[in-house]
Protein backbone atom coordinates (compact mmCIF):
# COMPACT_ATOMS: atom_id res chain seq x y z
CA MET A 1 -30.83 -1.61 -22.78
CA VAL A 2 -28.02 -3.14 -21.00
CA LYS A 3 -26.20 -0.76 -18.95
CA LEU A 4 -23.13 -2.75 -17.99
CA SER A 5 -21.25 -5.83 -19.78
CA VAL A 6 -18.58 -7.58 -17.79
CA ILE A 7 -16.38 -9.66 -19.73
CA VAL A 8 -14.77 -12.64 -18.02
CA PRO A 9 -12.56 -14.95 -19.60
CA PHE A 10 -11.71 -18.67 -17.81
CA TYR A 11 -9.14 -21.09 -18.62
CA ASN A 12 -8.50 -24.09 -16.42
CA VAL A 13 -9.49 -22.39 -13.28
CA GLN A 14 -11.77 -24.75 -11.31
CA GLN A 15 -10.24 -24.07 -8.13
CA TYR A 16 -11.12 -20.33 -8.29
CA ALA A 17 -14.05 -19.88 -10.73
CA PRO A 18 -16.47 -20.56 -7.99
CA ASP A 19 -15.44 -17.69 -5.91
CA THR A 20 -15.47 -15.41 -9.13
CA LEU A 21 -18.86 -16.30 -9.97
CA LYS A 22 -20.29 -15.80 -6.34
CA SER A 23 -18.79 -12.29 -6.29
CA LEU A 24 -20.29 -11.54 -9.76
CA ARG A 25 -23.90 -12.75 -8.16
CA ALA A 26 -23.32 -10.26 -5.45
CA ASN A 27 -22.67 -7.37 -8.15
CA ALA A 28 -25.74 -8.62 -10.31
CA ARG A 29 -28.47 -6.13 -11.31
CA ASP A 30 -31.43 -6.46 -13.81
CA ASP A 31 -29.67 -4.48 -16.47
CA PHE A 32 -26.02 -5.86 -15.98
CA GLU A 33 -24.65 -8.84 -18.29
CA PHE A 34 -21.84 -11.07 -17.27
CA ILE A 35 -20.14 -12.54 -20.50
CA LEU A 36 -18.35 -15.71 -19.29
CA VAL A 37 -15.88 -16.74 -21.96
CA ASP A 38 -14.49 -20.20 -21.77
CA ASP A 39 -11.20 -20.55 -23.45
CA CYS A 40 -11.23 -24.23 -24.18
CA SER A 41 -10.64 -25.55 -20.48
CA ARG A 42 -9.31 -28.95 -19.89
CA ASP A 43 -10.43 -29.19 -16.51
CA GLU A 44 -13.69 -28.80 -14.76
CA THR A 45 -14.37 -25.06 -15.52
CA PRO A 46 -16.65 -25.84 -18.42
CA ASP A 47 -19.02 -27.47 -16.13
CA ILE A 48 -18.95 -24.84 -13.73
CA LEU A 49 -19.76 -22.32 -16.20
CA GLU A 50 -22.64 -24.50 -17.56
CA ARG A 51 -24.11 -24.20 -14.09
CA ALA A 52 -23.40 -20.48 -13.72
CA ALA A 53 -25.21 -19.86 -17.11
CA ARG A 54 -28.42 -21.19 -15.47
CA GLU A 55 -28.06 -19.81 -12.04
CA LEU A 56 -26.31 -16.43 -12.47
CA PRO A 57 -28.57 -13.43 -13.25
CA GLY A 58 -27.35 -12.13 -16.57
CA ALA A 59 -24.87 -14.79 -17.46
CA VAL A 60 -24.13 -15.30 -21.20
CA HIS A 61 -21.75 -18.11 -21.49
CA LEU A 62 -19.53 -18.58 -24.79
CA ARG A 63 -16.99 -21.37 -25.54
CA HIS A 64 -14.08 -21.16 -27.76
CA GLU A 65 -13.42 -24.63 -29.46
CA LYS A 66 -9.50 -23.78 -29.42
CA ASN A 67 -7.51 -22.16 -26.81
CA GLY A 68 -6.75 -18.49 -28.08
CA GLY A 69 -5.52 -16.93 -24.91
CA LEU A 70 -6.74 -14.05 -22.90
CA ALA A 71 -6.48 -11.24 -25.38
CA THR A 72 -8.58 -13.28 -27.93
CA ALA A 73 -11.07 -14.27 -25.13
CA ARG A 74 -11.72 -10.79 -24.17
CA ASN A 75 -12.12 -9.76 -27.64
CA THR A 76 -14.96 -12.66 -28.05
CA GLY A 77 -16.58 -11.27 -25.01
CA LEU A 78 -16.54 -7.54 -26.59
CA ASP A 79 -18.10 -8.73 -29.54
CA ALA A 80 -20.88 -10.27 -27.96
CA ALA A 81 -21.29 -7.31 -25.26
CA ARG A 82 -24.42 -5.05 -25.42
CA GLY A 83 -23.83 -2.70 -22.47
CA GLU A 84 -23.68 1.23 -22.64
CA TYR A 85 -20.48 0.71 -20.43
CA LEU A 86 -17.90 -2.40 -20.17
CA THR A 87 -15.52 -3.87 -17.94
CA PHE A 88 -13.20 -6.74 -17.64
CA LEU A 89 -12.56 -9.32 -14.73
CA ASP A 90 -10.29 -12.44 -15.01
CA GLY A 91 -11.77 -15.94 -14.04
CA ASP A 92 -9.37 -16.11 -11.02
CA ASP A 93 -10.19 -12.85 -9.59
CA TRP A 94 -13.15 -11.48 -7.62
CA LEU A 95 -14.93 -8.52 -6.33
CA ALA A 96 -16.35 -6.79 -3.45
CA PRO A 97 -20.43 -6.99 -3.31
CA GLY A 98 -21.94 -4.10 -4.97
CA TYR A 99 -18.69 -2.77 -6.56
CA TYR A 100 -19.75 -2.58 -10.00
CA GLU A 101 -22.75 -0.51 -9.23
CA GLN A 102 -20.52 1.94 -7.18
CA LEU A 103 -18.24 2.10 -10.28
CA LEU A 104 -20.90 2.76 -12.71
CA SER A 105 -22.03 5.67 -10.39
CA GLN A 106 -18.77 7.18 -10.55
CA ILE A 107 -18.22 7.05 -14.24
CA GLU A 108 -21.65 8.17 -15.00
CA LYS A 109 -21.22 11.20 -12.64
CA LEU A 110 -17.88 12.21 -14.17
CA GLY A 111 -19.05 11.83 -17.98
CA CYS A 112 -15.67 10.72 -19.22
CA ASP A 113 -14.57 8.07 -21.52
CA PHE A 114 -13.01 5.59 -18.86
CA VAL A 115 -12.07 5.72 -15.26
CA ARG A 116 -9.30 3.61 -13.63
CA THR A 117 -9.31 2.24 -10.12
CA ASP A 118 -7.00 0.80 -7.24
CA HIS A 119 -7.01 -2.67 -6.55
CA VAL A 120 -6.11 -5.31 -3.66
CA GLN A 121 -3.27 -7.94 -4.77
CA CYS A 122 -3.57 -11.12 -3.05
CA THR A 123 -0.79 -13.57 -2.86
CA ALA A 124 -1.81 -16.61 -0.53
CA ARG A 125 -2.97 -14.85 2.63
CA ALA A 126 -1.11 -11.66 1.99
CA ARG A 127 -3.08 -8.59 0.94
CA SER A 128 -1.57 -5.32 -0.48
CA VAL A 129 -3.26 -2.35 -2.07
CA HIS A 130 -2.13 -1.12 -5.46
CA ARG A 131 -2.84 2.49 -6.49
CA VAL A 132 -3.36 3.95 -9.96
CA PRO A 133 -0.26 5.89 -10.29
CA HIS A 134 -2.00 9.24 -10.78
CA GLY A 135 -2.60 11.52 -7.88
CA ARG A 136 -5.48 13.52 -8.94
CA ARG A 137 -8.79 11.50 -7.99
CA GLY A 138 -12.12 12.32 -9.39
CA VAL A 139 -10.95 14.78 -11.79
CA VAL A 140 -11.52 14.63 -15.65
CA MET A 141 -8.17 14.80 -17.67
CA SER A 142 -6.96 14.01 -20.89
CA PRO A 143 -5.43 10.63 -21.06
CA ARG A 144 -2.67 11.77 -23.43
CA GLU A 145 -1.22 14.30 -21.07
CA VAL A 146 -0.70 11.77 -18.09
CA ILE A 147 1.62 9.36 -20.10
CA LEU A 148 4.95 11.13 -19.03
CA PRO A 149 7.08 11.73 -17.42
CA ALA A 150 9.35 9.05 -18.94
CA ASP A 151 11.39 8.29 -15.76
CA ARG A 152 8.37 7.87 -13.30
CA SER A 153 5.62 5.14 -13.26
CA THR A 154 2.48 6.59 -14.88
CA SER A 155 -0.89 5.48 -15.78
CA VAL A 156 0.27 3.53 -19.00
CA ASP A 157 2.30 1.68 -16.67
CA TYR A 158 -0.86 0.39 -14.77
CA ALA A 159 -2.13 -1.74 -17.61
CA PHE A 160 -4.66 -4.09 -15.82
CA ALA A 161 -7.86 -3.84 -17.76
CA TRP A 162 -10.14 -4.99 -15.08
CA ALA A 163 -8.90 -1.95 -12.90
CA GLY A 164 -11.36 0.36 -14.59
CA MET A 165 -14.72 0.97 -16.58
CA TYR A 166 -15.21 2.15 -20.22
CA HIS A 167 -17.91 3.58 -22.30
CA ARG A 168 -19.27 2.09 -25.25
CA ARG A 169 -18.02 4.74 -27.47
CA LEU A 170 -14.47 3.46 -27.12
CA ALA A 171 -15.49 0.02 -28.33
CA ASP A 172 -17.34 1.72 -31.23
CA ALA A 173 -14.17 3.71 -32.24
CA GLY A 174 -11.99 0.28 -31.92
CA LEU A 175 -10.18 1.14 -28.89
CA LEU A 176 -11.13 -1.79 -26.48
CA HIS A 177 -10.11 -4.54 -28.56
CA PHE A 178 -6.74 -6.61 -27.79
CA THR A 179 -4.35 -7.66 -30.26
CA ASP A 180 -5.34 -11.19 -31.07
CA GLY A 181 -3.04 -14.18 -30.02
CA LEU A 182 -0.93 -12.20 -27.57
CA ARG A 183 -0.40 -14.60 -24.79
CA THR A 184 1.20 -12.08 -22.25
CA ALA A 185 1.49 -8.38 -21.90
CA GLU A 186 -1.66 -8.00 -23.87
CA ASP A 187 -2.72 -4.98 -21.87
CA ARG A 188 0.42 -3.10 -22.82
CA PRO A 189 -0.46 -1.98 -26.51
CA TRP A 190 -4.04 -1.63 -25.33
CA ILE A 191 -3.48 0.77 -22.44
CA TRP A 192 -0.90 2.93 -24.54
CA ARG A 193 -3.62 3.19 -27.44
CA LEU A 194 -6.35 4.14 -24.96
CA HIS A 195 -3.98 6.69 -23.41
CA ARG A 196 -3.07 8.26 -26.75
CA GLU A 197 -6.58 8.16 -28.60
CA ALA A 198 -9.23 8.36 -25.80
CA GLU A 199 -10.50 11.97 -24.94
CA SER A 200 -11.11 11.89 -21.26
CA PHE A 201 -10.38 9.68 -18.11
CA ALA A 202 -10.33 9.91 -14.36
CA ALA A 203 -8.83 8.06 -11.62
CA VAL A 204 -11.29 7.43 -8.62
CA ASN A 205 -10.82 6.49 -5.12
CA LEU A 206 -12.70 2.83 -5.08
CA LEU A 207 -11.35 -0.52 -3.85
CA GLY A 208 -13.14 -3.57 -4.92
CA VAL A 209 -11.18 -5.92 -7.32
CA PHE A 210 -9.26 -8.46 -5.77
CA TYR A 211 -6.34 -9.74 -8.07
CA ARG A 212 -4.88 -13.29 -7.20
CA ARG A 213 -1.21 -13.51 -7.79
CA GLY A 214 0.73 -16.73 -7.55
CA VAL A 215 -1.82 -18.83 -9.46
CA ALA A 216 0.32 -21.86 -10.76
CA SER A 217 -1.56 -21.69 -14.33
CA SER A 218 -0.73 -18.21 -14.85
CA LEU A 219 1.83 -17.22 -17.49
CA THR A 220 3.42 -14.97 -14.96
CA GLN A 221 4.43 -18.05 -13.02
CA ILE A 222 5.38 -20.35 -16.10
CA GLY A 223 8.75 -19.66 -17.81
CA ASP A 224 7.75 -21.12 -21.15
CA VAL A 225 7.95 -19.58 -24.59
CA ARG A 226 4.56 -17.70 -24.14
CA GLN A 227 6.17 -15.48 -21.84
CA LEU A 228 8.20 -13.87 -24.78
CA ASP A 229 4.94 -12.52 -26.17
CA PHE A 230 5.81 -9.41 -24.23
CA ILE A 231 8.39 -8.59 -27.01
CA LYS A 232 5.63 -8.63 -29.62
CA ALA A 233 3.67 -6.39 -27.16
CA PHE A 234 6.32 -3.84 -26.96
CA ASP A 235 7.12 -3.83 -30.46
CA GLN A 236 3.54 -2.92 -31.09
CA VAL A 237 3.86 -0.24 -28.44
CA ILE A 238 6.76 1.41 -30.17
CA ARG A 239 5.46 0.93 -33.79
CA GLU A 240 2.23 2.75 -32.83
CA THR A 241 3.83 5.44 -30.73
CA ALA A 242 6.63 6.10 -33.58
CA ALA A 243 3.36 6.98 -35.62
CA ASP A 244 1.88 9.25 -33.06
CA ARG A 245 1.87 13.30 -33.66
CA ASP A 246 3.82 13.50 -30.43
CA ALA A 247 6.32 10.93 -31.11
CA ASP A 248 9.21 12.75 -30.28
CA LYS A 249 7.64 13.50 -26.76
CA LEU A 250 6.27 9.70 -25.90
CA LEU A 251 8.85 7.79 -27.38
CA PRO A 252 11.22 8.00 -24.79
CA LYS A 253 8.93 6.79 -22.35
CA ALA A 254 7.92 3.70 -24.47
CA VAL A 255 11.45 2.92 -24.95
CA ARG A 256 12.56 3.05 -21.39
CA THR A 257 9.36 1.01 -20.28
CA TYR A 258 10.60 -1.54 -22.91
CA CYS A 259 14.09 -1.53 -21.76
CA ALA A 260 12.93 -2.00 -17.97
CA ILE A 261 10.64 -5.05 -18.99
CA ILE A 262 13.68 -6.62 -20.92
CA SER A 263 15.80 -6.24 -18.04
CA HIS A 264 13.19 -7.47 -15.52
CA HIS A 265 13.08 -10.81 -17.43
CA LEU A 266 16.77 -11.11 -17.70
CA GLY A 267 17.15 -10.75 -14.04
CA SER A 268 15.09 -13.56 -13.39
CA ILE A 269 16.12 -15.61 -16.30
CA GLU A 270 16.81 -18.84 -14.04
CA ARG A 271 12.79 -19.29 -14.19
CA PHE A 272 12.78 -20.08 -17.99
CA GLU A 273 13.73 -23.34 -19.28
CA PRO A 274 16.94 -23.10 -20.95
CA ALA A 275 16.10 -23.17 -24.43
CA VAL A 276 13.60 -20.34 -23.77
CA ALA A 277 16.03 -18.38 -21.82
CA ARG A 278 18.55 -18.50 -24.88
CA LYS A 279 15.56 -17.43 -27.07
CA LEU A 280 14.76 -14.61 -24.78
CA LYS A 281 18.51 -13.20 -24.96
CA SER A 282 18.58 -13.27 -28.85
CA MET A 283 15.04 -12.01 -29.08
CA SER A 284 15.83 -9.00 -26.65
CA ALA A 285 19.07 -8.23 -28.33
CA ALA A 286 17.33 -8.01 -31.71
CA ALA A 287 14.44 -5.72 -30.01
CA LEU A 288 17.23 -3.45 -28.66
CA LYS A 289 18.36 -3.11 -32.26
CA ARG A 290 14.80 -2.27 -33.54
CA MET A 291 14.45 0.55 -31.32
CA PRO A 292 15.20 4.14 -32.35
CA GLN A 293 18.73 4.12 -31.44
CA GLY A 294 19.16 7.74 -30.28
CA VAL A 295 16.24 7.45 -27.91
CA LEU A 296 17.52 4.08 -26.59
CA ASP A 297 21.08 5.76 -25.91
CA GLU A 298 18.98 8.49 -23.79
CA ALA A 299 17.00 5.74 -21.91
CA LEU A 300 20.02 3.82 -21.20
CA ASP A 301 21.76 6.83 -19.85
CA SER A 302 18.81 7.34 -17.46
CA MET A 303 18.85 4.13 -16.09
CA ASP A 304 20.65 2.69 -12.91
CA LEU A 305 24.27 1.16 -13.43
CA GLN A 306 22.93 -2.47 -12.96
CA ARG A 307 20.13 -2.36 -15.58
CA ALA A 308 22.11 -0.19 -18.14
CA THR A 309 25.11 -2.40 -17.91
CA ARG A 310 22.99 -5.65 -18.72
CA LEU A 311 21.19 -3.97 -21.53
CA ARG A 312 24.30 -2.55 -22.98
CA ARG A 313 25.94 -5.81 -22.86
CA LEU A 314 22.86 -7.30 -24.60
CA ARG A 315 22.98 -4.62 -27.17
CA ARG A 316 26.46 -5.97 -28.41
CA ARG A 317 25.22 -9.63 -28.77
CA PRO A 318 25.19 -10.59 -32.26
CA VAL A 319 21.80 -11.34 -33.81
CA SER A 320 20.95 -13.68 -36.58
CA ALA A 321 19.14 -12.36 -39.68
CA GLU A 322 15.96 -14.74 -38.75
CA VAL A 323 15.93 -13.35 -35.13
CA ALA A 324 16.40 -9.74 -36.36
CA ALA A 325 13.34 -10.05 -38.51
């Protein structure tokens, strides 16, 4: 049986894919498989992956005929995965040698549904360690119990799918798939669902994932309309959390986080094309009107003056029926 499936989507990353693949080779084991999903790349990435399919032990090469985005590419990999455990890596990031074997040992020892890990963020030559916002390490806990408090960064705010490892029973329960078609913030509904519905998790002290920031082709660097999918993603978080048995406790956290993300995008609105900036304002105003209004009032009261003022002003903005829908 395959012990670990690693799902790695690639899209137009010819500059970085060789480093990613080299690090996978340094993590290979006879019972590991690496599912390389080419999301219809238009550069030299397909050729690089074809070579990897021949040379990388455990490689499984899949190709989309149409670009579907990161969420859809990850789902393709999940559908093909055979491992008892699963994890993710992005096609422009890389790993320390032997990292997956160490992480697998940790989750097997703990016996929980999933583990979360710290990572190293790499921006040009700068390196910085980013920690799971959960203080207790190596202790199995209920993921639902660590969603709160609403006014602090918690595990649901650390949404990186590749910063952890997951038991197959989560995939069998439908908890590892992403919302098809989301072009950004695809990890947000995913991490919230995982924390609401999985039974056990632990944060572990292990550094070995290197996350590359500032990649020109990354959606975080591109101010086009695809960035606005964060609204679809957080609408889903609000909708699903509102249906939860603990909605009264959890909704304040979901609403406050949504507001913080809207404010963040408005604060850097100059990076968007003018038409997209206008759409961002109108769609965000509509999103505020869709939120539970009493919970929204409390969230705004709890935020700093600058963000609260920005959001209250936006809340008063008229919204067309088309945008509101």
